[in-house]
Amino acid sequence: MSKLIETIDLTKVYGEKETAVTALNSINTTFNQNQFTAIMGPSGSGKSTLLHCLAGLDKVSSGSILIKGVDLASLNDKQLTKMRRDSFGFIFQAFNLIPTLTAEENITLPSSVAGKKPEQDWVEKIINTMDIGDRLTHRPNELSGGQQQRVAAARAMASKPEVIFADEPSGNLDSKSSKELLVFMKSIVSELNQTIVMVTHDPYAASFAERVIMLKDGEIANDLDNPTQEEIVSQVTSLTDI
C-alpha cells in the first residue's frame, strides 16, 4: 500500500490562554491508499476534529497534514477548494444536501461543479445499491433521514474521489440500510481501490474497516489491524473506563 495521507505532529487547539482546549495533541500517523480506516474514541476524544483537519475543513494549530506529499497548509483557498472538489468525497451526519436540488442533482453535483460528466453506469450502480432509484426526483425535504443519508453517501461516491471522509455515515440508517451501506463501502475499497476514513462510535460499523484508530484525549491510544467487533468493543470499553 502506498501512503496517501500523513500527519506530522498534528495539533489542534481551540481558544487561547486560560480557555485553551487541546483537541488533538501531536498526532503522527499515516493513511494508505486502498484502505478502509475507522476512527473511534469517547466523546470529546478528537475524532471529528481529526477528520475535519484531514479533509481540509479545519486548519491545524501546528504540525502538518500531507496529501500525497503536499502540505495542506501550503495551499491557498482556491487550491484547497479544488483539492476538496476533485479528490475528496464527504459523507456527514448532517447530510449537507442542497435543499433546492433533487436527489439525483445532489448526487451528480460534484461532477457538475468540476465540469465533468458523471459515469452513468457507476452512478446507477450506486443508486441501486443505496435503494434510492424511486426517490431521484424528490428534494431533501421530501426524503426521510435515512434516505437523505443514502443520497449523501451516493454523492460522495459518484465522482470516484481519491478518498472519502465519512462522519457517522450509518448513524441515521436502519440496521438493513446500514449494513448495505457499510458492505458497499467495503467493496469499493477492495474492488475500486477507494480509500475511506470514517469516524464512528458504533463498533459494528467499525468492524467493516481494515484498521481502527482509537483516540483518547486527543492522542492515539491504539491502532488496530483487522479487529473483530468484540475486540473493538473491548477497546472502546477500556478507553471509556480509563
Protein backbone atom coordinates (compact mmCIF):
# COMPACT_ATOMS: atom_id res chain seq x y z
CA MET A 1 0.00 0.00 0.00
CA SER A 2 1.23 3.47 -0.80
CA LYS A 3 0.89 6.39 1.59
CA LEU A 4 -1.91 8.83 0.73
CA ILE A 5 -2.15 10.98 3.88
CA GLU A 6 0.46 11.65 6.54
CA THR A 7 0.14 13.72 9.72
CA ILE A 8 3.25 15.11 11.41
CA ASP A 9 2.89 16.39 14.98
CA LEU A 10 -0.68 17.41 14.12
CA THR A 11 -2.02 19.63 16.89
CA LYS A 12 -5.33 21.49 17.11
CA VAL A 13 -6.08 23.90 19.94
CA TYR A 14 -9.34 25.78 20.38
CA GLY A 15 -9.35 29.03 22.36
CA GLU A 16 -6.40 30.84 23.91
CA LYS A 17 -4.52 31.01 27.20
CA GLU A 18 -6.77 30.02 30.14
CA THR A 19 -9.61 28.91 27.87
CA ALA A 20 -7.42 26.87 25.51
CA VAL A 21 -8.57 23.30 24.83
CA THR A 22 -6.26 20.87 23.04
CA ALA A 23 -8.45 18.77 20.76
CA LEU A 24 -5.54 16.99 19.04
CA ASN A 25 -2.11 16.59 20.63
CA SER A 26 0.80 15.86 18.28
CA ILE A 27 -0.81 13.17 16.12
CA ASN A 28 1.63 11.21 13.96
CA THR A 29 0.07 8.65 11.64
CA THR A 30 -0.48 7.70 8.00
CA PHE A 31 -3.46 6.62 5.91
CA ASN A 32 -2.71 4.36 2.97
CA GLN A 33 -4.38 4.20 -0.42
CA ASN A 34 -6.89 1.40 -0.86
CA GLN A 35 -7.59 1.15 2.88
CA PHE A 36 -10.75 1.48 4.98
CA THR A 37 -9.87 3.13 8.30
CA ALA A 38 -12.25 3.82 11.17
CA ILE A 39 -11.52 6.41 13.85
CA MET A 40 -13.12 5.79 17.24
CA GLY A 41 -12.93 7.15 20.76
CA PRO A 42 -15.02 8.51 23.64
CA SER A 43 -16.96 11.74 23.25
CA GLY A 44 -14.51 14.64 23.16
CA SER A 45 -11.56 12.44 22.14
CA GLY A 46 -10.92 14.49 18.99
CA LYS A 47 -12.12 12.06 16.34
CA SER A 48 -14.34 14.51 14.41
CA THR A 49 -11.70 17.24 14.74
CA LEU A 50 -9.13 14.88 13.23
CA LEU A 51 -11.44 14.06 10.33
CA HIS A 52 -12.17 17.74 9.65
CA CYS A 53 -8.46 18.61 9.69
CA LEU A 54 -7.57 15.72 7.35
CA ALA A 55 -10.26 16.89 4.93
CA GLY A 56 -9.03 20.47 4.95
CA LEU A 57 -12.22 21.71 6.58
CA ASP A 58 -10.43 22.90 9.71
CA LYS A 59 -6.96 24.46 9.96
CA VAL A 60 -4.36 22.91 12.25
CA SER A 61 -2.74 24.92 15.05
CA SER A 62 0.67 23.36 14.43
CA GLY A 63 2.19 20.40 12.63
CA SER A 64 1.42 19.26 9.10
CA ILE A 65 -1.02 17.23 7.02
CA LEU A 66 0.45 15.92 3.78
CA ILE A 67 -1.79 14.67 0.97
CA LYS A 68 0.41 12.77 -1.50
CA GLY A 69 3.30 14.77 -0.10
CA VAL A 70 1.58 18.15 -0.45
CA ASP A 71 1.19 20.11 2.79
CA LEU A 72 -2.40 21.34 3.08
CA ALA A 73 -1.13 24.48 4.84
CA SER A 74 0.81 25.42 1.70
CA LEU A 75 -2.34 25.64 -0.42
CA ASN A 76 -4.30 28.86 -0.86
CA ASP A 77 -8.09 28.86 -0.59
CA LYS A 78 -8.58 28.27 -4.32
CA GLN A 79 -6.14 25.35 -4.41
CA LEU A 80 -7.64 23.81 -1.27
CA THR A 81 -11.15 24.12 -2.70
CA LYS A 82 -10.00 22.40 -5.90
CA MET A 83 -8.42 19.55 -3.94
CA ARG A 84 -11.57 19.04 -1.86
CA ARG A 85 -13.72 19.14 -5.01
CA ASP A 86 -11.60 16.86 -7.20
CA SER A 87 -10.00 14.45 -4.74
CA PHE A 88 -12.28 14.20 -1.69
CA GLY A 89 -15.76 12.85 -1.12
CA PHE A 90 -17.70 13.66 2.03
CA ILE A 91 -20.44 11.88 3.97
CA PHE A 92 -21.54 13.85 7.03
CA GLN A 93 -24.10 13.01 9.69
CA ALA A 94 -25.93 16.28 8.92
CA PHE A 95 -26.27 15.22 5.23
CA ASN A 96 -25.41 18.73 3.88
CA LEU A 97 -27.65 18.25 0.85
CA ILE A 98 -28.65 21.25 -1.27
CA PRO A 99 -32.36 21.77 -0.45
CA THR A 100 -33.30 23.23 -3.87
CA LEU A 101 -31.86 20.28 -5.82
CA THR A 102 -33.41 16.87 -6.42
CA ALA A 103 -31.74 13.75 -5.06
CA GLU A 104 -30.26 12.98 -8.47
CA GLU A 105 -28.94 16.53 -8.87
CA ASN A 106 -27.36 16.34 -5.42
CA ILE A 107 -25.67 13.05 -6.32
CA THR A 108 -24.14 14.41 -9.54
CA LEU A 109 -23.35 17.86 -8.10
CA PRO A 110 -19.58 17.31 -7.52
CA SER A 111 -19.12 16.25 -11.15
CA SER A 112 -21.24 19.16 -12.37
CA VAL A 113 -19.23 21.68 -10.35
CA ALA A 114 -16.00 20.20 -11.75
CA GLY A 115 -17.39 20.46 -15.29
CA LYS A 116 -17.34 16.70 -15.80
CA LYS A 117 -19.97 14.22 -16.90
CA PRO A 118 -20.62 11.56 -14.27
CA GLU A 119 -20.04 7.94 -15.24
CA GLN A 120 -23.65 6.89 -15.69
CA ASP A 121 -23.11 3.15 -15.17
CA TRP A 122 -21.27 3.81 -11.91
CA VAL A 123 -23.88 6.30 -10.68
CA GLU A 124 -26.66 3.82 -11.45
CA LYS A 125 -24.83 1.08 -9.55
CA ILE A 126 -24.54 3.35 -6.51
CA ILE A 127 -28.20 4.39 -6.76
CA ASN A 128 -29.31 0.76 -6.95
CA THR A 129 -27.11 -0.23 -4.01
CA MET A 130 -28.45 2.66 -1.93
CA ASP A 131 -32.02 1.71 -2.98
CA ILE A 132 -32.97 5.30 -3.86
CA GLY A 133 -33.95 4.83 -7.51
CA ASP A 134 -37.56 5.80 -6.77
CA ARG A 135 -36.52 8.98 -4.93
CA LEU A 136 -34.32 10.66 -7.54
CA THR A 137 -36.83 13.42 -8.37
CA HIS A 138 -37.51 14.22 -4.72
CA ARG A 139 -35.91 17.13 -2.90
CA PRO A 140 -34.27 16.60 0.52
CA ASN A 141 -37.32 17.84 2.50
CA GLU A 142 -39.36 15.11 0.81
CA LEU A 143 -36.98 12.36 1.98
CA SER A 144 -36.65 10.58 5.31
CA GLY A 145 -33.45 10.96 7.33
CA GLY A 146 -32.24 7.56 6.16
CA GLN A 147 -32.97 8.38 2.53
CA GLN A 148 -31.10 11.69 2.84
CA GLN A 149 -28.09 9.86 4.27
CA ARG A 150 -28.13 7.40 1.37
CA VAL A 151 -28.24 10.29 -1.11
CA ALA A 152 -25.32 11.92 0.71
CA ALA A 153 -23.36 8.65 0.55
CA ALA A 154 -24.14 8.28 -3.16
CA ARG A 155 -22.97 11.86 -3.79
CA ALA A 156 -19.66 11.19 -2.05
CA MET A 157 -19.01 8.11 -4.16
CA ALA A 158 -20.34 9.31 -7.52
CA SER A 159 -17.18 11.09 -8.70
CA LYS A 160 -14.85 8.28 -7.59
CA PRO A 161 -12.76 10.54 -5.33
CA GLU A 162 -9.30 9.51 -4.11
CA VAL A 163 -10.50 9.48 -0.52
CA ILE A 164 -13.92 9.55 1.14
CA PHE A 165 -14.22 11.16 4.56
CA ALA A 166 -17.26 9.83 6.41
CA ASP A 167 -18.61 11.14 9.72
CA GLU A 168 -21.06 8.60 11.22
CA PRO A 169 -22.28 7.57 7.73
CA SER A 170 -24.64 4.89 9.05
CA GLY A 171 -25.81 6.89 12.06
CA ASN A 172 -29.27 7.68 10.68
CA LEU A 173 -29.94 4.39 8.91
CA ASP A 174 -31.95 1.37 9.99
CA SER A 175 -29.97 -1.84 10.50
CA LYS A 176 -30.65 -3.22 7.00
CA SER A 177 -29.72 0.02 5.20
CA SER A 178 -26.72 0.46 7.48
CA LYS A 179 -25.35 -2.97 6.63
CA GLU A 180 -25.93 -2.40 2.89
CA LEU A 181 -24.07 0.92 3.02
CA LEU A 182 -21.14 -0.50 5.01
CA VAL A 183 -20.85 -3.58 2.78
CA PHE A 184 -20.84 -1.29 -0.27
CA MET A 185 -18.21 1.00 1.26
CA LYS A 186 -16.01 -2.01 2.00
CA SER A 187 -16.49 -3.36 -1.53
CA ILE A 188 -15.41 -0.14 -3.24
CA VAL A 189 -12.20 -0.23 -1.21
CA SER A 190 -11.40 -3.79 -2.32
CA GLU A 191 -12.73 -3.57 -5.89
CA LEU A 192 -12.03 0.03 -6.90
CA ASN A 193 -9.01 0.91 -4.75
CA GLN A 194 -11.08 3.52 -2.90
CA THR A 195 -9.70 5.00 0.32
CA ILE A 196 -12.12 5.68 3.18
CA VAL A 197 -11.54 7.39 6.52
CA MET A 198 -14.62 7.05 8.73
CA VAL A 199 -15.44 8.41 12.18
CA THR A 200 -17.92 6.28 14.09
CA HIS A 201 -18.97 5.48 17.65
CA ASP A 202 -20.50 2.16 16.53
CA PRO A 203 -18.30 -0.96 16.93
CA TYR A 204 -20.44 -2.78 14.33
CA ALA A 205 -19.71 -0.08 11.73
CA ALA A 206 -16.03 -0.02 12.68
CA SER A 207 -15.78 -3.79 12.23
CA PHE A 208 -16.13 -3.30 8.45
CA ALA A 209 -12.84 -1.36 8.42
CA GLU A 210 -9.42 -2.95 7.95
CA ARG A 211 -7.93 -0.65 10.53
CA VAL A 212 -9.30 1.08 13.62
CA ILE A 213 -7.56 4.05 15.24
CA MET A 214 -8.58 4.65 18.85
CA LEU A 215 -8.31 8.20 20.21
CA LYS A 216 -8.27 9.29 23.85
CA ASP A 217 -7.91 12.93 24.93
CA GLY A 218 -6.64 13.99 21.51
CA GLU A 219 -3.97 11.30 21.28
CA ILE A 220 -3.77 7.90 19.58
CA ALA A 221 -4.41 5.29 22.26
CA ASN A 222 -4.33 2.27 19.94
CA ASP A 223 -4.04 1.38 16.26
CA LEU A 224 -5.64 -1.96 15.39
CA ASP A 225 -5.39 -4.04 12.21
CA ASN A 226 -8.47 -6.04 11.18
CA PRO A 227 -10.02 -6.16 14.66
CA THR A 228 -13.19 -8.13 15.31
CA GLN A 229 -16.30 -6.39 16.62
CA GLU A 230 -15.66 -7.98 20.02
CA GLU A 231 -12.09 -6.61 20.12
CA ILE A 232 -13.37 -3.16 19.18
CA VAL A 233 -15.99 -3.25 21.94
CA SER A 234 -13.31 -4.28 24.43
CA GLN A 235 -11.05 -1.41 23.35
CA VAL A 236 -13.86 1.16 23.49
CA THR A 237 -14.84 -0.07 26.96
CA SER A 238 -11.26 0.13 28.24
CA LEU A 239 -10.82 3.68 26.91
CA THR A 240 -14.07 4.80 28.49
CA ASP A 241 -13.06 3.26 31.81
CA ILE A 242 -9.62 4.92 31.91
